[in-house]
Amino acid sequence: MPTIASKIGPYLRFSVRIASALGRQIVAILMLKIPDNIYERWGFYIQCLFVCASYGYIEFRLAYTGHPISIGYMIGLLGFAAAIMAARTDSLTATEKFVWIIICGVLLAGEINTIDADHADQEKVHNSDLTAQNTQFGAILKSNHDFFIASSIASQGIISQQQAGFEKTIKEQQDDFVKTLAIIYLKNQAKSPNLST
C-alpha cells in the first residue's frame, strides 16, 4: 500500500528542482549591473521576483495537479501586477513601465489561452454528453416504436376476433329471426287455413 511520502515524493523532488533553478536565476539576476538612469534597481528586483514567482507557481501547479493554471489564478496574477504598478507609480522609469506592460501582456495572453482551453474542454464534455443523450433517446424511441408495432398487431388480432364474433352473432340472430318469422307464418296458416297469401 503506497504511503503518503511515496505519493508526495515525486512532487517534492520536482519542487526542489524548480526552487533550486529559480534560486540560481534569482542570484544571477541580483548580480546583474543595472544602469540607474535606465532602470531603478528595486523596480528591477520587484519585476524579477514577480516573474520568477509567477512562473514558479504556474509550473509547480502544472506539475502538481497535471492541469494548467485556471482562469481565476491568471486574473489574480494580472491584478497583482497592476497593484504593484499602481503602488510604484511615482518611481517608475520608462523602461520599467514598458517591462510591466510586457509582463501584463504575457499574463493576458496566458489568460486568453487558458480561457480557450477551458472552453474547448467544456465543448468536448458537452458534445460527449449530447451524444450519450441522443443515443439514449434513440433507444427509447426504438423501444416505444417496437411496443407500438407489437400493440397494433395484437390490437388487429383482437379486432379480427371481435369482428368474427360479431359476424357470427349477427348470423345467429338473422337465423333466429328467420326461424321466428317462419314459426309465426306457420301459426297464422294453421289458424286461418282459407287465407292465402
C-alpha atoms as a PDB file:
ATOM      1  CA  MET A   1       0.000   0.000   0.000  1.00  0.00           C
ATOM      2  CA  PRO A   2       1.528   3.339  -1.014  1.00  0.00           C
ATOM      3  CA  THR A   3       2.302   5.758   1.759  1.00  0.00           C
ATOM      4  CA  ILE A   4       1.793   9.487   1.721  1.00  0.00           C
ATOM      5  CA  ALA A   5       5.544  10.017   1.366  1.00  0.00           C
ATOM      6  CA  SER A   6       5.638   7.830  -1.761  1.00  0.00           C
ATOM      7  CA  LYS A   7       2.786   9.826  -3.279  1.00  0.00           C
ATOM      8  CA  ILE A   8       4.273  13.232  -2.440  1.00  0.00           C
ATOM      9  CA  GLY A   9       7.893  12.266  -3.144  1.00  0.00           C
ATOM     10  CA  PRO A  10       7.937  12.922  -6.910  1.00  0.00           C
ATOM     11  CA  TYR A  11       6.235  16.284  -6.461  1.00  0.00           C
ATOM     12  CA  LEU A  12       8.590  17.230  -3.674  1.00  0.00           C
ATOM     13  CA  ARG A  13      11.654  16.324  -5.756  1.00  0.00           C
ATOM     14  CA  PHE A  14      10.262  18.328  -8.672  1.00  0.00           C
ATOM     15  CA  SER A  15       9.571  21.260  -6.354  1.00  0.00           C
ATOM     16  CA  VAL A  16      13.142  21.171  -5.080  1.00  0.00           C
ATOM     17  CA  ARG A  17      14.436  21.176  -8.668  1.00  0.00           C
ATOM     18  CA  ILE A  18      12.253  24.153  -9.565  1.00  0.00           C
ATOM     19  CA  ALA A  19      13.232  26.021  -6.393  1.00  0.00           C
ATOM     20  CA  SER A  20      16.945  25.442  -6.954  1.00  0.00           C
ATOM     21  CA  ALA A  21      16.687  26.519 -10.606  1.00  0.00           C
ATOM     22  CA  LEU A  22      14.749  29.624  -9.600  1.00  0.00           C
ATOM     23  CA  GLY A  23      17.220  30.315  -6.813  1.00  0.00           C
ATOM     24  CA  ARG A  24      20.129  30.207  -9.255  1.00  0.00           C
ATOM     25  CA  GLN A  25      18.267  32.537 -11.611  1.00  0.00           C
ATOM     26  CA  ILE A  26      17.442  34.952  -8.805  1.00  0.00           C
ATOM     27  CA  VAL A  27      21.069  35.095  -7.650  1.00  0.00           C
ATOM     28  CA  ALA A  28      22.214  35.660 -11.238  1.00  0.00           C
ATOM     29  CA  ILE A  29      19.659  38.461 -11.617  1.00  0.00           C
ATOM     30  CA  LEU A  30      20.735  40.105  -8.353  1.00  0.00           C
ATOM     31  CA  MET A  31      24.334  40.198  -9.560  1.00  0.00           C
ATOM     32  CA  LEU A  32      23.483  41.988 -12.819  1.00  0.00           C
ATOM     33  CA  LYS A  33      24.819  45.516 -13.276  1.00  0.00           C
ATOM     34  CA  ILE A  34      21.899  47.820 -13.972  1.00  0.00           C
ATOM     35  CA  PRO A  35      22.405  51.418 -15.126  1.00  0.00           C
ATOM     36  CA  ASP A  36      20.465  53.684 -12.744  1.00  0.00           C
ATOM     37  CA  ASN A  37      19.457  56.138 -15.457  1.00  0.00           C
ATOM     38  CA  ILE A  38      17.580  53.377 -17.409  1.00  0.00           C
ATOM     39  CA  TYR A  39      16.182  51.292 -14.598  1.00  0.00           C
ATOM     40  CA  GLU A  40      15.714  51.675 -10.864  1.00  0.00           C
ATOM     41  CA  ARG A  41      17.363  48.734  -9.093  1.00  0.00           C
ATOM     42  CA  TRP A  42      14.451  47.945  -6.732  1.00  0.00           C
ATOM     43  CA  GLY A  43      11.957  48.187  -9.571  1.00  0.00           C
ATOM     44  CA  PHE A  44      14.034  45.646 -11.467  1.00  0.00           C
ATOM     45  CA  TYR A  45      14.167  43.344  -8.436  1.00  0.00           C
ATOM     46  CA  ILE A  46      10.405  43.553  -7.920  1.00  0.00           C
ATOM     47  CA  GLN A  47       9.770  42.680 -11.557  1.00  0.00           C
ATOM     48  CA  CYS A  48      12.228  39.793 -11.477  1.00  0.00           C
ATOM     49  CA  LEU A  49      10.765  38.471  -8.243  1.00  0.00           C
ATOM     50  CA  PHE A  50       7.231  38.764  -9.661  1.00  0.00           C
ATOM     51  CA  VAL A  51       8.161  36.990 -12.909  1.00  0.00           C
ATOM     52  CA  CYS A  52      10.078  34.212 -11.126  1.00  0.00           C
ATOM     53  CA  ALA A  53       7.339  33.671  -8.518  1.00  0.00           C
ATOM     54  CA  SER A  54       4.591  33.654 -11.156  1.00  0.00           C
ATOM     55  CA  TYR A  55       6.486  31.266 -13.421  1.00  0.00           C
ATOM     56  CA  GLY A  56       7.370  29.000 -10.495  1.00  0.00           C
ATOM     57  CA  TYR A  57       3.767  28.932  -9.308  1.00  0.00           C
ATOM     58  CA  ILE A  58       2.419  28.154 -12.780  1.00  0.00           C
ATOM     59  CA  GLU A  59       4.953  25.363 -13.351  1.00  0.00           C
ATOM     60  CA  PHE A  60       4.502  23.921  -9.845  1.00  0.00           C
ATOM     61  CA  ARG A  61       0.717  23.887 -10.242  1.00  0.00           C
ATOM     62  CA  LEU A  62       1.027  22.172 -13.627  1.00  0.00           C
ATOM     63  CA  ALA A  63       3.389  19.565 -12.198  1.00  0.00           C
ATOM     64  CA  TYR A  64       1.390  19.026  -9.009  1.00  0.00           C
ATOM     65  CA  THR A  65      -2.145  18.876 -10.419  1.00  0.00           C
ATOM     66  CA  GLY A  66      -1.424  17.921 -14.013  1.00  0.00           C
ATOM     67  CA  HIS A  67      -3.680  20.763 -15.177  1.00  0.00           C
ATOM     68  CA  PRO A  68      -2.653  24.196 -16.377  1.00  0.00           C
ATOM     69  CA  ILE A  69      -3.397  27.176 -14.187  1.00  0.00           C
ATOM     70  CA  SER A  70      -7.056  28.157 -14.109  1.00  0.00           C
ATOM     71  CA  ILE A  71      -8.593  31.404 -15.290  1.00  0.00           C
ATOM     72  CA  GLY A  72      -9.029  32.894 -11.830  1.00  0.00           C
ATOM     73  CA  TYR A  73      -5.355  32.487 -10.950  1.00  0.00           C
ATOM     74  CA  MET A  74      -4.234  34.208 -14.149  1.00  0.00           C
ATOM     75  CA  ILE A  75      -6.588  37.095 -13.425  1.00  0.00           C
ATOM     76  CA  GLY A  76      -5.214  37.244  -9.883  1.00  0.00           C
ATOM     77  CA  LEU A  77      -1.627  37.436 -11.138  1.00  0.00           C
ATOM     78  CA  LEU A  78      -2.612  40.128 -13.625  1.00  0.00           C
ATOM     79  CA  GLY A  79      -4.348  42.099 -10.863  1.00  0.00           C
ATOM     80  CA  PHE A  80      -1.340  41.744  -8.569  1.00  0.00           C
ATOM     81  CA  ALA A  81       0.948  43.084 -11.304  1.00  0.00           C
ATOM     82  CA  ALA A  82      -1.402  46.036 -11.761  1.00  0.00           C
ATOM     83  CA  ALA A  83      -1.400  46.664  -7.997  1.00  0.00           C
ATOM     84  CA  ILE A  84       2.414  46.721  -7.929  1.00  0.00           C
ATOM     85  CA  MET A  85       2.441  49.137 -10.861  1.00  0.00           C
ATOM     86  CA  ALA A  86      -0.090  51.371  -9.088  1.00  0.00           C
ATOM     87  CA  ALA A  87       1.899  51.330  -5.839  1.00  0.00           C
ATOM     88  CA  ARG A  88       5.121  52.316  -7.626  1.00  0.00           C
ATOM     89  CA  THR A  89       3.588  54.902  -9.972  1.00  0.00           C
ATOM     90  CA  ASP A  90       5.759  57.790  -8.776  1.00  0.00           C
ATOM     91  CA  SER A  91       9.081  55.980  -9.126  1.00  0.00           C
ATOM     92  CA  LEU A  92       8.532  54.025 -12.373  1.00  0.00           C
ATOM     93  CA  THR A  93      11.009  54.705 -15.158  1.00  0.00           C
ATOM     94  CA  ALA A  94      10.007  54.423 -18.814  1.00  0.00           C
ATOM     95  CA  THR A  95      11.854  51.109 -19.134  1.00  0.00           C
ATOM     96  CA  GLU A  96      10.160  49.728 -16.029  1.00  0.00           C
ATOM     97  CA  LYS A  97       6.722  50.782 -17.345  1.00  0.00           C
ATOM     98  CA  PHE A  98       7.491  49.074 -20.650  1.00  0.00           C
ATOM     99  CA  VAL A  99       8.528  45.853 -18.883  1.00  0.00           C
ATOM    100  CA  TRP A 100       5.386  45.898 -16.718  1.00  0.00           C
ATOM    101  CA  ILE A 101       3.286  46.299 -19.864  1.00  0.00           C
ATOM    102  CA  ILE A 102       5.073  43.286 -21.394  1.00  0.00           C
ATOM    103  CA  ILE A 103       4.515  41.262 -18.188  1.00  0.00           C
ATOM    104  CA  CYS A 104       0.797  42.180 -18.200  1.00  0.00           C
ATOM    105  CA  GLY A 105       0.593  41.315 -21.915  1.00  0.00           C
ATOM    106  CA  VAL A 106       2.114  37.887 -21.310  1.00  0.00           C
ATOM    107  CA  LEU A 107      -0.286  37.254 -18.415  1.00  0.00           C
ATOM    108  CA  LEU A 108      -3.201  38.406 -20.570  1.00  0.00           C
ATOM    109  CA  ALA A 109      -2.122  36.061 -23.387  1.00  0.00           C
ATOM    110  CA  GLY A 110      -1.858  33.224 -20.850  1.00  0.00           C
ATOM    111  CA  GLU A 111      -5.324  34.059 -19.549  1.00  0.00           C
ATOM    112  CA  ILE A 112      -6.809  34.036 -23.064  1.00  0.00           C
ATOM    113  CA  ASN A 113      -5.094  30.720 -23.786  1.00  0.00           C
ATOM    114  CA  THR A 114      -6.487  29.284 -20.542  1.00  0.00           C
ATOM    115  CA  ILE A 115      -9.990  30.533 -21.364  1.00  0.00           C
ATOM    116  CA  ASP A 116      -9.789  28.968 -24.842  1.00  0.00           C
ATOM    117  CA  ALA A 117      -8.568  25.655 -23.409  1.00  0.00           C
ATOM    118  CA  ASP A 118     -11.351  25.720 -20.800  1.00  0.00           C
ATOM    119  CA  HIS A 119     -13.972  26.390 -23.473  1.00  0.00           C
ATOM    120  CA  ALA A 120     -12.589  23.572 -25.644  1.00  0.00           C
ATOM    121  CA  ASP A 121     -12.763  21.160 -22.683  1.00  0.00           C
ATOM    122  CA  GLN A 122     -16.323  22.217 -21.895  1.00  0.00           C
ATOM    123  CA  GLU A 123     -17.313  21.852 -25.546  1.00  0.00           C
ATOM    124  CA  LYS A 124     -15.832  18.342 -25.646  1.00  0.00           C
ATOM    125  CA  VAL A 125     -17.715  17.338 -22.483  1.00  0.00           C
ATOM    126  CA  HIS A 126     -20.920  18.910 -23.815  1.00  0.00           C
ATOM    127  CA  ASN A 127     -20.612  17.058 -27.133  1.00  0.00           C
ATOM    128  CA  SER A 128     -19.994  13.715 -25.422  1.00  0.00           C
ATOM    129  CA  ASP A 129     -22.988  14.314 -23.111  1.00  0.00           C
ATOM    130  CA  LEU A 130     -25.135  15.276 -26.093  1.00  0.00           C
ATOM    131  CA  THR A 131     -24.075  12.132 -27.969  1.00  0.00           C
ATOM    132  CA  ALA A 132     -24.916   9.974 -24.955  1.00  0.00           C
ATOM    133  CA  GLN A 133     -28.320  11.647 -24.569  1.00  0.00           C
ATOM    134  CA  ASN A 134     -29.054  11.207 -28.285  1.00  0.00           C
ATOM    135  CA  THR A 135     -28.139   7.530 -28.044  1.00  0.00           C
ATOM    136  CA  GLN A 136     -30.408   7.055 -25.028  1.00  0.00           C
ATOM    137  CA  PHE A 137     -33.232   8.970 -26.700  1.00  0.00           C
ATOM    138  CA  GLY A 138     -32.850   6.858 -29.840  1.00  0.00           C
ATOM    139  CA  ALA A 139     -33.057   3.687 -27.753  1.00  0.00           C
ATOM    140  CA  ILE A 140     -36.202   4.966 -26.032  1.00  0.00           C
ATOM    141  CA  LEU A 141     -37.775   5.854 -29.393  1.00  0.00           C
ATOM    142  CA  LYS A 142     -36.939   2.416 -30.793  1.00  0.00           C
ATOM    143  CA  SER A 143     -38.389   0.734 -27.715  1.00  0.00           C
ATOM    144  CA  ASN A 144     -41.582   2.792 -27.990  1.00  0.00           C
ATOM    145  CA  HIS A 145     -41.817   2.084 -31.733  1.00  0.00           C
ATOM    146  CA  ASP A 146     -41.384  -1.658 -31.171  1.00  0.00           C
ATOM    147  CA  PHE A 147     -44.027  -1.569 -28.428  1.00  0.00           C
ATOM    148  CA  PHE A 148     -46.407   0.356 -30.711  1.00  0.00           C
ATOM    149  CA  ILE A 149     -45.933  -2.166 -33.537  1.00  0.00           C
ATOM    150  CA  ALA A 150     -46.491  -5.101 -31.177  1.00  0.00           C
ATOM    151  CA  SER A 151     -49.565  -3.393 -29.697  1.00  0.00           C
ATOM    152  CA  SER A 152     -51.033  -2.638 -33.120  1.00  0.00           C
ATOM    153  CA  ILE A 153     -50.511  -6.254 -34.253  1.00  0.00           C
ATOM    154  CA  ALA A 154     -52.139  -7.508 -31.058  1.00  0.00           C
ATOM    155  CA  SER A 155     -54.984  -4.978 -31.485  1.00  0.00           C
ATOM    156  CA  GLN A 156     -55.559  -6.139 -35.060  1.00  0.00           C
ATOM    157  CA  GLY A 157     -55.787  -9.725 -33.841  1.00  0.00           C
ATOM    158  CA  ILE A 158     -58.263  -8.738 -31.142  1.00  0.00           C
ATOM    159  CA  ILE A 159     -60.295  -6.671 -33.606  1.00  0.00           C
ATOM    160  CA  SER A 160     -60.325  -9.570 -36.082  1.00  0.00           C
ATOM    161  CA  GLN A 161     -61.557 -11.937 -33.348  1.00  0.00           C
ATOM    162  CA  GLN A 162     -64.210  -9.445 -32.258  1.00  0.00           C
ATOM    163  CA  GLN A 163     -65.287  -8.891 -35.883  1.00  0.00           C
ATOM    164  CA  ALA A 164     -65.606 -12.638 -36.399  1.00  0.00           C
ATOM    165  CA  GLY A 165     -67.603 -12.942 -33.166  1.00  0.00           C
ATOM    166  CA  PHE A 166     -69.815 -10.025 -34.208  1.00  0.00           C
ATOM    167  CA  GLU A 167     -70.459 -11.529 -37.633  1.00  0.00           C
ATOM    168  CA  LYS A 168     -71.259 -14.899 -36.024  1.00  0.00           C
ATOM    169  CA  THR A 169     -73.680 -13.221 -33.617  1.00  0.00           C
ATOM    170  CA  ILE A 170     -75.355 -11.303 -36.447  1.00  0.00           C
ATOM    171  CA  LYS A 171     -75.675 -14.539 -38.491  1.00  0.00           C
ATOM    172  CA  GLU A 172     -77.150 -16.386 -35.488  1.00  0.00           C
ATOM    173  CA  GLN A 173     -79.639 -13.551 -34.858  1.00  0.00           C
ATOM    174  CA  GLN A 174     -80.626 -13.467 -38.546  1.00  0.00           C
ATOM    175  CA  ASP A 175     -81.138 -17.228 -38.485  1.00  0.00           C
ATOM    176  CA  ASP A 176     -83.202 -16.940 -35.288  1.00  0.00           C
ATOM    177  CA  PHE A 177     -85.228 -14.105 -36.834  1.00  0.00           C
ATOM    178  CA  VAL A 178     -85.944 -16.143 -39.996  1.00  0.00           C
ATOM    179  CA  LYS A 179     -86.953 -19.142 -37.845  1.00  0.00           C
ATOM    180  CA  THR A 180     -89.199 -16.937 -35.735  1.00  0.00           C
ATOM    181  CA  LEU A 181     -90.857 -15.480 -38.838  1.00  0.00           C
ATOM    182  CA  ALA A 182     -91.347 -18.981 -40.239  1.00  0.00           C
ATOM    183  CA  ILE A 183     -92.946 -20.137 -36.975  1.00  0.00           C
ATOM    184  CA  ILE A 184     -95.252 -17.097 -36.904  1.00  0.00           C
ATOM    185  CA  TYR A 185     -96.196 -17.686 -40.526  1.00  0.00           C
ATOM    186  CA  LEU A 186     -96.937 -21.339 -39.895  1.00  0.00           C
ATOM    187  CA  LYS A 187     -99.034 -20.489 -36.818  1.00  0.00           C
ATOM    188  CA  ASN A 188    -101.029 -17.956 -38.785  1.00  0.00           C
ATOM    189  CA  GLN A 189    -101.565 -20.532 -41.562  1.00  0.00           C
ATOM    190  CA  ALA A 190    -102.785 -23.023 -39.025  1.00  0.00           C
ATOM    191  CA  LYS A 191    -105.322 -20.554 -37.542  1.00  0.00           C
ATOM    192  CA  SER A 192    -106.777 -19.396 -40.826  1.00  0.00           C
ATOM    193  CA  PRO A 193    -106.495 -22.037 -43.497  1.00  0.00           C
ATOM    194  CA  ASN A 194    -108.562 -20.170 -46.027  1.00  0.00           C
ATOM    195  CA  LEU A 195    -106.240 -17.085 -46.095  1.00  0.00           C
ATOM    196  CA  SER A 196    -103.925 -17.328 -48.934  1.00  0.00           C
ATOM    197  CA  THR A 197    -101.037 -15.042 -49.168  1.00  0.00           C
END
